Structures are given as C-alpha cells and as structure tokens.
Amino acid sequence: MKNCKFEAFLVMVGLIIMGVCVMLGLGKVNQNVRTVNVRGLAEMDVEANKVTWPIAVKEVGNDLSAVYVQVSKSADAVVKFLKDNGLSDDEISVTAPNVVDRAANYYDSNWKHRYNVTSNIVVTSNKVKLVMELISRQGEMIEKGVAINSSEYGNYTIYEYTDLNSIKPQMIEEATINARAAAEKFAKDSESKLGKIKTANQGLFTIENVDEYTPNIKHVRVVTNVTYYLED
C-alpha cells in the first residue's frame, strides 16, 4: 500500500515538472515570435453618379386661390423646363403646395401678405452633368417670371457616389500592397525577413467631398491594418 502511494506521489511530481517545462518552453517560443503591424492606405477621386436637386417655387398674397393657382403654374413651368432639357417624368417629383397662413400665427401680426404658398420640385437623376448644367441655367426660369427660391431652408443639392462595390477590390489590393511595402521596409531596417500574414483588417471606406467647391467630386479612402510575422 505504501509502495502505491509512493508511486502516485512520483507520478504527481513528474506531471508538475513536465507542466513547468512546457510552460517555460512556450514562454521561450512566444519570446521568439516577432511581428510588425502596418497600415496601408488607398485613395481615389471619383465623380458622383447620383444627384438630388430640390427646387422651391413660392408665391405670396392675400387671395389664397390666386396664390395657389400661380404656384401651380410656376411648378408646371419648372417641370416643362426640366423635361424640355432632357429629364424624364420618373426623374422629377412634385410635392403638393404647402400653405402658411400668417394670420393664424398669434405671434406674427406684422405681415403684408397673409398667405405664403410653396411647392417643391425634386430632381433625382444619374445624369449628373446634365443636372449641373440645368442648375447653372435656372436663371432662365427666373427671367420667365418663375419665382424660384434657391435659398429655401434645406433646399441644397446633394451629390452621391453609389458604385463603391465596383472600386472596392482595386482599392483593397492597393492598400494591401502599400501595407506590405511598409512592412518590408521595417523588416529590412531591423535585419529581418518578412513572413506570412498573422492578422488583417480591411478597415472602413469613407466617401467625402474633395472640397466645398466641387461637391460632385468625391474622395474615397480606405485603410487596411495588417500584422506580419518577422523571421530571422
């Protein structure tokens, strides 16, 4: 019985010693594993392929029916201008006129015209260059007596780039190449060799205007994070 207990004790001691040796060995291996983390940047300027152009027509007066009719005529004139110059019905939407009765506002007693009626025509199109041309020609409608209110709150033209998937592979490849170039330079400077990729993170794509003067040109950017093994 004593021999069995002694043998069990020896086995337990042996397992403990083995565990300590394994831990020390792993610690040594981990100390020898070296990595480098680098970032790769890819950038590209692209033209917007979608534009949303809101056009507000507004009339004021004291005869609601007359003001309403005039706003409707102005909206029709705008739609005709847009269609005559290359836009289709499915690219143009017209909202119902919005009526503001200033006499109904208890805090607004200093008014000359009781009714303020506004209608919005919204152009949504992939013909970005054509719409930009029409925006530059909107003075032609004003010359014809169409009261366009381009400063209406919220009435600003929006340019978008919606074809990101078509350039993603190219940009990810470029970012990865740039990351590898940075890692190779680091490996060379540290007198090491670049090994395989340990981890990689694509990062997020961002799309912004190139500047405030050319909102139709978008700047696309992506950063990849890559960790490489370093070898002696």
C-alpha atoms as a PDB file:
ATOM      1  CA  MET A   1       0.000   0.000   0.000  1.00  0.00           C
ATOM      2  CA  LYS A   2       2.892   2.311   0.850  1.00  0.00           C
ATOM      3  CA  ASN A   3       4.536   1.493  -2.492  1.00  0.00           C
ATOM      4  CA  CYS A   4       1.311   2.511  -4.329  1.00  0.00           C
ATOM      5  CA  LYS A   5       1.206   5.837  -2.512  1.00  0.00           C
ATOM      6  CA  PHE A   6       4.873   6.488  -3.236  1.00  0.00           C
ATOM      7  CA  GLU A   7       4.422   5.684  -6.926  1.00  0.00           C
ATOM      8  CA  ALA A   8       1.389   8.004  -7.116  1.00  0.00           C
ATOM      9  CA  PHE A   9       3.464  10.740  -5.477  1.00  0.00           C
ATOM     10  CA  LEU A  10       6.244  10.262  -8.040  1.00  0.00           C
ATOM     11  CA  VAL A  11       3.714  10.457 -10.903  1.00  0.00           C
ATOM     12  CA  MET A  12       2.267  13.661  -9.494  1.00  0.00           C
ATOM     13  CA  VAL A  13       5.715  15.219  -9.103  1.00  0.00           C
ATOM     14  CA  GLY A  14       6.601  14.168 -12.653  1.00  0.00           C
ATOM     15  CA  LEU A  15       3.450  15.794 -14.055  1.00  0.00           C
ATOM     16  CA  ILE A  16       4.188  19.002 -12.218  1.00  0.00           C
ATOM     17  CA  ILE A  17       7.772  19.094 -13.502  1.00  0.00           C
ATOM     18  CA  MET A  18       6.534  18.353 -17.046  1.00  0.00           C
ATOM     19  CA  GLY A  19       3.979  21.171 -16.826  1.00  0.00           C
ATOM     20  CA  VAL A  20       6.600  23.638 -15.662  1.00  0.00           C
ATOM     21  CA  CYS A  21       8.898  22.618 -18.509  1.00  0.00           C
ATOM     22  CA  VAL A  22       6.123  23.024 -21.069  1.00  0.00           C
ATOM     23  CA  MET A  23       5.251  26.464 -19.724  1.00  0.00           C
ATOM     24  CA  LEU A  24       8.870  27.560 -19.828  1.00  0.00           C
ATOM     25  CA  GLY A  25       9.199  26.213 -23.351  1.00  0.00           C
ATOM     26  CA  LEU A  26       6.096  28.036 -24.541  1.00  0.00           C
ATOM     27  CA  GLY A  27       7.313  31.195 -22.899  1.00  0.00           C
ATOM     28  CA  LYS A  28      10.572  30.884 -24.790  1.00  0.00           C
ATOM     29  CA  VAL A  29       8.745  30.279 -28.080  1.00  0.00           C
ATOM     30  CA  ASN A  30       6.494  33.277 -27.513  1.00  0.00           C
ATOM     31  CA  GLN A  31       9.507  35.439 -26.798  1.00  0.00           C
ATOM     32  CA  ASN A  32      10.947  34.436 -30.170  1.00  0.00           C
ATOM     33  CA  VAL A  33       7.770  35.274 -32.131  1.00  0.00           C
ATOM     34  CA  ARG A  34       8.142  38.747 -33.584  1.00  0.00           C
ATOM     35  CA  THR A  35       5.541  40.671 -35.550  1.00  0.00           C
ATOM     36  CA  VAL A  36       5.107  44.051 -37.202  1.00  0.00           C
ATOM     37  CA  ASN A  37       1.791  45.872 -37.572  1.00  0.00           C
ATOM     38  CA  VAL A  38       1.450  48.228 -40.518  1.00  0.00           C
ATOM     39  CA  ARG A  39      -1.241  50.251 -42.262  1.00  0.00           C
ATOM     40  CA  GLY A  40      -1.860  50.518 -45.961  1.00  0.00           C
ATOM     41  CA  LEU A  41      -3.695  53.486 -47.450  1.00  0.00           C
ATOM     42  CA  ALA A  42      -5.562  53.677 -50.762  1.00  0.00           C
ATOM     43  CA  GLU A  43      -7.263  56.814 -52.075  1.00  0.00           C
ATOM     44  CA  MET A  44      -9.250  57.618 -55.209  1.00  0.00           C
ATOM     45  CA  ASP A  45     -11.223  60.566 -56.572  1.00  0.00           C
ATOM     46  CA  VAL A  46     -14.441  59.680 -58.407  1.00  0.00           C
ATOM     47  CA  GLU A  47     -17.301  61.616 -59.940  1.00  0.00           C
ATOM     48  CA  ALA A  48     -20.710  61.470 -58.287  1.00  0.00           C
ATOM     49  CA  ASN A  49     -23.169  59.268 -60.166  1.00  0.00           C
ATOM     50  CA  LYS A  50     -26.354  60.480 -58.488  1.00  0.00           C
ATOM     51  CA  VAL A  51     -27.727  63.945 -57.837  1.00  0.00           C
ATOM     52  CA  THR A  52     -30.745  65.211 -55.912  1.00  0.00           C
ATOM     53  CA  TRP A  53     -31.758  68.767 -56.768  1.00  0.00           C
ATOM     54  CA  PRO A  54     -34.707  70.317 -54.879  1.00  0.00           C
ATOM     55  CA  ILE A  55     -36.315  73.372 -56.469  1.00  0.00           C
ATOM     56  CA  ALA A  56     -38.721  75.505 -54.443  1.00  0.00           C
ATOM     57  CA  VAL A  57     -41.284  77.813 -56.076  1.00  0.00           C
ATOM     58  CA  LYS A  58     -43.018  80.273 -53.797  1.00  0.00           C
ATOM     59  CA  GLU A  59     -45.781  82.842 -54.071  1.00  0.00           C
ATOM     60  CA  VAL A  60     -47.329  85.173 -51.507  1.00  0.00           C
ATOM     61  CA  GLY A  61     -50.611  87.123 -51.449  1.00  0.00           C
ATOM     62  CA  ASN A  62     -53.908  87.674 -49.714  1.00  0.00           C
ATOM     63  CA  ASP A  63     -56.094  85.715 -52.135  1.00  0.00           C
ATOM     64  CA  LEU A  64     -55.376  82.058 -51.402  1.00  0.00           C
ATOM     65  CA  SER A  65     -56.958  80.743 -54.588  1.00  0.00           C
ATOM     66  CA  ALA A  66     -54.991  83.134 -56.783  1.00  0.00           C
ATOM     67  CA  VAL A  67     -51.718  82.385 -54.975  1.00  0.00           C
ATOM     68  CA  TYR A  68     -52.369  78.640 -55.200  1.00  0.00           C
ATOM     69  CA  VAL A  69     -53.013  78.861 -58.959  1.00  0.00           C
ATOM     70  CA  GLN A  70     -49.856  80.897 -59.508  1.00  0.00           C
ATOM     71  CA  VAL A  71     -47.711  78.420 -57.586  1.00  0.00           C
ATOM     72  CA  SER A  72     -49.145  75.549 -59.639  1.00  0.00           C
ATOM     73  CA  LYS A  73     -48.346  77.423 -62.865  1.00  0.00           C
ATOM     74  CA  SER A  74     -44.789  78.081 -61.674  1.00  0.00           C
ATOM     75  CA  ALA A  75     -44.304  74.410 -60.786  1.00  0.00           C
ATOM     76  CA  ASP A  76     -45.609  73.373 -64.211  1.00  0.00           C
ATOM     77  CA  ALA A  77     -43.191  75.809 -65.857  1.00  0.00           C
ATOM     78  CA  VAL A  78     -40.266  74.331 -63.946  1.00  0.00           C
ATOM     79  CA  VAL A  79     -41.260  70.780 -64.896  1.00  0.00           C
ATOM     80  CA  LYS A  80     -41.563  71.810 -68.558  1.00  0.00           C
ATOM     81  CA  PHE A  81     -38.097  73.389 -68.441  1.00  0.00           C
ATOM     82  CA  LEU A  82     -36.620  70.206 -66.969  1.00  0.00           C
ATOM     83  CA  LYS A  83     -38.331  67.873 -69.456  1.00  0.00           C
ATOM     84  CA  ASP A  84     -37.520  70.097 -72.444  1.00  0.00           C
ATOM     85  CA  ASN A  85     -33.863  69.822 -71.482  1.00  0.00           C
ATOM     86  CA  GLY A  86     -33.510  66.058 -71.195  1.00  0.00           C
ATOM     87  CA  LEU A  87     -35.038  64.863 -67.925  1.00  0.00           C
ATOM     88  CA  SER A  88     -37.853  62.324 -67.793  1.00  0.00           C
ATOM     89  CA  ASP A  89     -41.012  62.051 -65.687  1.00  0.00           C
ATOM     90  CA  ASP A  90     -39.516  59.383 -63.428  1.00  0.00           C
ATOM     91  CA  GLU A  91     -36.638  61.745 -62.569  1.00  0.00           C
ATOM     92  CA  ILE A  92     -38.972  64.537 -61.458  1.00  0.00           C
ATOM     93  CA  SER A  93     -41.358  64.634 -58.497  1.00  0.00           C
ATOM     94  CA  VAL A  94     -43.624  67.495 -57.455  1.00  0.00           C
ATOM     95  CA  THR A  95     -44.924  67.932 -53.920  1.00  0.00           C
ATOM     96  CA  ALA A  96     -48.344  69.328 -53.103  1.00  0.00           C
ATOM     97  CA  PRO A  97     -48.212  73.056 -52.325  1.00  0.00           C
ATOM     98  CA  ASN A  98     -47.611  73.913 -48.686  1.00  0.00           C
ATOM     99  CA  VAL A  99     -49.762  76.781 -47.384  1.00  0.00           C
ATOM    100  CA  VAL A 100     -48.750  79.024 -44.482  1.00  0.00           C
ATOM    101  CA  ASP A 101     -51.481  81.320 -43.152  1.00  0.00           C
ATOM    102  CA  ARG A 102     -49.681  84.061 -41.279  1.00  0.00           C
ATOM    103  CA  ALA A 103     -52.959  85.323 -39.823  1.00  0.00           C
ATOM    104  CA  ALA A 104     -53.247  82.044 -37.931  1.00  0.00           C
ATOM    105  CA  ASN A 105     -49.982  82.758 -36.105  1.00  0.00           C
ATOM    106  CA  TYR A 106     -50.747  84.642 -32.900  1.00  0.00           C
ATOM    107  CA  TYR A 107     -47.137  85.866 -32.672  1.00  0.00           C
ATOM    108  CA  ASP A 108     -46.931  87.033 -36.291  1.00  0.00           C
ATOM    109  CA  SER A 109     -49.059  90.162 -36.662  1.00  0.00           C
ATOM    110  CA  ASN A 110     -46.693  92.228 -38.802  1.00  0.00           C
ATOM    111  CA  TRP A 111     -47.415  90.873 -42.272  1.00  0.00           C
ATOM    112  CA  LYS A 112     -48.277  92.360 -45.634  1.00  0.00           C
ATOM    113  CA  HIS A 113     -49.223  89.122 -47.387  1.00  0.00           C
ATOM    114  CA  ARG A 114     -51.386  86.692 -45.481  1.00  0.00           C
ATOM    115  CA  TYR A 115     -50.650  83.534 -47.456  1.00  0.00           C
ATOM    116  CA  ASN A 116     -47.274  82.007 -48.232  1.00  0.00           C
ATOM    117  CA  VAL A 117     -47.533  79.037 -50.612  1.00  0.00           C
ATOM    118  CA  THR A 118     -44.582  76.854 -51.577  1.00  0.00           C
ATOM    119  CA  SER A 119     -44.261  73.863 -53.876  1.00  0.00           C
ATOM    120  CA  ASN A 120     -41.133  71.717 -54.237  1.00  0.00           C
ATOM    121  CA  ILE A 121     -39.964  70.029 -57.410  1.00  0.00           C
ATOM    122  CA  VAL A 122     -37.297  67.405 -56.692  1.00  0.00           C
ATOM    123  CA  VAL A 123     -34.983  66.078 -59.389  1.00  0.00           C
ATOM    124  CA  THR A 124     -33.337  62.728 -58.654  1.00  0.00           C
ATOM    125  CA  SER A 125     -31.156  61.553 -61.511  1.00  0.00           C
ATOM    126  CA  ASN A 126     -27.998  59.739 -62.599  1.00  0.00           C
ATOM    127  CA  LYS A 127     -27.437  62.415 -65.264  1.00  0.00           C
ATOM    128  CA  VAL A 128     -25.189  64.425 -63.013  1.00  0.00           C
ATOM    129  CA  LYS A 129     -23.535  66.579 -65.670  1.00  0.00           C
ATOM    130  CA  LEU A 130     -26.871  67.426 -67.280  1.00  0.00           C
ATOM    131  CA  VAL A 131     -28.390  68.441 -63.941  1.00  0.00           C
ATOM    132  CA  MET A 132     -25.346  70.578 -63.135  1.00  0.00           C
ATOM    133  CA  GLU A 133     -25.821  72.354 -66.442  1.00  0.00           C
ATOM    134  CA  LEU A 134     -29.519  72.962 -65.695  1.00  0.00           C
ATOM    135  CA  ILE A 135     -28.634  74.305 -62.247  1.00  0.00           C
ATOM    136  CA  SER A 136     -26.389  76.870 -63.896  1.00  0.00           C
ATOM    137  CA  ARG A 137     -29.276  77.809 -66.228  1.00  0.00           C
ATOM    138  CA  GLN A 138     -32.019  78.176 -63.616  1.00  0.00           C
ATOM    139  CA  GLY A 139     -31.842  81.926 -64.134  1.00  0.00           C
ATOM    140  CA  GLU A 140     -33.708  81.306 -67.384  1.00  0.00           C
ATOM    141  CA  MET A 141     -36.764  80.311 -65.371  1.00  0.00           C
ATOM    142  CA  ILE A 142     -36.497  83.404 -63.195  1.00  0.00           C
ATOM    143  CA  GLU A 143     -36.377  85.540 -66.353  1.00  0.00           C
ATOM    144  CA  LYS A 144     -39.697  83.959 -67.386  1.00  0.00           C
ATOM    145  CA  GLY A 145     -41.294  85.026 -64.124  1.00  0.00           C
ATOM    146  CA  VAL A 146     -40.969  81.744 -62.254  1.00  0.00           C
ATOM    147  CA  ALA A 147     -40.282  82.559 -58.617  1.00  0.00           C
ATOM    148  CA  ILE A 148     -37.566  80.064 -57.681  1.00  0.00           C
ATOM    149  CA  ASN A 149     -36.402  80.280 -54.104  1.00  0.00           C
ATOM    150  CA  SER A 150     -32.967  78.663 -54.115  1.00  0.00           C
ATOM    151  CA  SER A 151     -32.247  79.802 -50.555  1.00  0.00           C
ATOM    152  CA  GLU A 152     -35.184  77.911 -49.059  1.00  0.00           C
ATOM    153  CA  TYR A 153     -34.082  76.101 -45.881  1.00  0.00           C
ATOM    154  CA  GLY A 154     -32.990  72.555 -46.662  1.00  0.00           C
ATOM    155  CA  ASN A 155     -33.021  73.124 -50.424  1.00  0.00           C
ATOM    156  CA  TYR A 156     -29.448  72.163 -51.204  1.00  0.00           C
ATOM    157  CA  THR A 157     -28.244  69.889 -53.965  1.00  0.00           C
ATOM    158  CA  ILE A 158     -26.876  66.504 -52.875  1.00  0.00           C
ATOM    159  CA  TYR A 159     -24.278  64.614 -54.904  1.00  0.00           C
ATOM    160  CA  GLU A 160     -23.653  60.939 -54.161  1.00  0.00           C
ATOM    161  CA  TYR A 161     -21.391  58.121 -55.296  1.00  0.00           C
ATOM    162  CA  THR A 162     -23.294  54.838 -55.157  1.00  0.00           C
ATOM    163  CA  ASP A 163     -20.997  52.462 -57.062  1.00  0.00           C
ATOM    164  CA  LEU A 164     -18.496  51.722 -54.289  1.00  0.00           C
ATOM    165  CA  ASN A 165     -18.555  47.958 -54.903  1.00  0.00           C
ATOM    166  CA  SER A 166     -17.037  48.425 -58.354  1.00  0.00           C
ATOM    167  CA  ILE A 167     -13.842  50.013 -56.972  1.00  0.00           C
ATOM    168  CA  LYS A 168     -13.540  48.122 -53.685  1.00  0.00           C
ATOM    169  CA  PRO A 169     -11.371  45.227 -54.986  1.00  0.00           C
ATOM    170  CA  GLN A 170      -8.917  47.599 -56.673  1.00  0.00           C
ATOM    171  CA  MET A 171      -8.597  49.828 -53.629  1.00  0.00           C
ATOM    172  CA  ILE A 172      -8.230  46.943 -51.164  1.00  0.00           C
ATOM    173  CA  GLU A 173      -5.483  45.463 -53.363  1.00  0.00           C
ATOM    174  CA  GLU A 174      -3.677  48.813 -53.497  1.00  0.00           C
ATOM    175  CA  ALA A 175      -3.962  49.298 -49.732  1.00  0.00           C
ATOM    176  CA  THR A 176      -2.630  45.784 -49.097  1.00  0.00           C
ATOM    177  CA  ILE A 177       0.329  46.360 -51.447  1.00  0.00           C
ATOM    178  CA  ASN A 178       1.151  49.604 -49.647  1.00  0.00           C
ATOM    179  CA  ALA A 179       0.931  47.858 -46.277  1.00  0.00           C
ATOM    180  CA  ARG A 180       3.310  45.118 -47.438  1.00  0.00           C
ATOM    181  CA  ALA A 181       5.769  47.708 -48.761  1.00  0.00           C
ATOM    182  CA  ALA A 182       5.835  49.382 -45.339  1.00  0.00           C
ATOM    183  CA  ALA A 183       6.308  46.031 -43.601  1.00  0.00           C
ATOM    184  CA  GLU A 184       9.164  45.057 -45.936  1.00  0.00           C
ATOM    185  CA  LYS A 185      10.918  48.355 -45.218  1.00  0.00           C
ATOM    186  CA  PHE A 186      10.572  47.741 -41.475  1.00  0.00           C
ATOM    187  CA  ALA A 187      11.876  44.172 -41.833  1.00  0.00           C
ATOM    188  CA  LYS A 188      14.860  45.362 -43.850  1.00  0.00           C
ATOM    189  CA  ASP A 189      15.706  48.060 -41.324  1.00  0.00           C
ATOM    190  CA  SER A 190      15.508  45.519 -38.491  1.00  0.00           C
ATOM    191  CA  GLU A 191      17.635  42.982 -40.429  1.00  0.00           C
ATOM    192  CA  SER A 192      14.739  40.543 -40.575  1.00  0.00           C
ATOM    193  CA  LYS A 193      12.719  38.809 -43.240  1.00  0.00           C
ATOM    194  CA  LEU A 194       9.020  39.352 -43.739  1.00  0.00           C
ATOM    195  CA  GLY A 195       6.932  36.279 -43.004  1.00  0.00           C
ATOM    196  CA  LYS A 196       3.299  35.380 -43.526  1.00  0.00           C
ATOM    197  CA  ILE A 197       0.310  37.489 -42.529  1.00  0.00           C
ATOM    198  CA  LYS A 198      -0.802  36.916 -38.949  1.00  0.00           C
ATOM    199  CA  THR A 199      -3.933  39.081 -38.992  1.00  0.00           C
ATOM    200  CA  ALA A 200      -5.520  41.534 -41.430  1.00  0.00           C
ATOM    201  CA  ASN A 201      -8.294  44.094 -41.065  1.00  0.00           C
ATOM    202  CA  GLN A 202      -9.734  45.806 -44.132  1.00  0.00           C
ATOM    203  CA  GLY A 203     -10.972  48.935 -42.372  1.00  0.00           C
ATOM    204  CA  LEU A 204     -13.859  51.191 -43.354  1.00  0.00           C
ATOM    205  CA  PHE A 205     -14.355  53.016 -46.630  1.00  0.00           C
ATOM    206  CA  THR A 206     -15.063  56.741 -46.342  1.00  0.00           C
ATOM    207  CA  ILE A 207     -16.538  58.965 -49.052  1.00  0.00           C
ATOM    208  CA  GLU A 208     -16.233  62.731 -48.718  1.00  0.00           C
ATOM    209  CA  ASN A 209     -16.315  65.801 -50.953  1.00  0.00           C
ATOM    210  CA  VAL A 210     -12.939  66.724 -52.380  1.00  0.00           C
ATOM    211  CA  ASP A 211     -13.689  70.285 -51.279  1.00  0.00           C
ATOM    212  CA  GLU A 212     -16.656  72.575 -50.699  1.00  0.00           C
ATOM    213  CA  TYR A 213     -16.471  73.984 -54.226  1.00  0.00           C
ATOM    214  CA  THR A 214     -16.741  70.680 -56.093  1.00  0.00           C
ATOM    215  CA  PRO A 215     -19.276  68.531 -54.217  1.00  0.00           C
ATOM    216  CA  ASN A 216     -19.743  66.420 -57.362  1.00  0.00           C
ATOM    217  CA  ILE A 217     -16.197  65.026 -56.973  1.00  0.00           C
ATOM    218  CA  LYS A 218     -15.857  62.500 -54.167  1.00  0.00           C
ATOM    219  CA  HIS A 219     -12.729  61.382 -52.344  1.00  0.00           C
ATOM    220  CA  VAL A 220     -12.812  57.680 -51.448  1.00  0.00           C
ATOM    221  CA  ARG A 221     -10.412  56.382 -48.801  1.00  0.00           C
ATOM    222  CA  VAL A 222      -9.683  53.054 -47.104  1.00  0.00           C
ATOM    223  CA  VAL A 223      -7.018  51.970 -44.609  1.00  0.00           C
ATOM    224  CA  THR A 224      -6.057  48.330 -44.052  1.00  0.00           C
ATOM    225  CA  ASN A 225      -4.318  47.050 -40.902  1.00  0.00           C
ATOM    226  CA  VAL A 226      -2.029  44.055 -41.433  1.00  0.00           C
ATOM    227  CA  THR A 227       0.187  42.197 -38.958  1.00  0.00           C
ATOM    228  CA  TYR A 228       3.103  40.189 -40.402  1.00  0.00           C
ATOM    229  CA  TYR A 229       5.427  37.681 -38.775  1.00  0.00           C
ATOM    230  CA  LEU A 230       9.119  38.616 -38.787  1.00  0.00           C
ATOM    231  CA  GLU A 231      11.710  35.921 -39.383  1.00  0.00           C
ATOM    232  CA  ASP A 232      15.445  35.877 -38.750  1.00  0.00           C
END
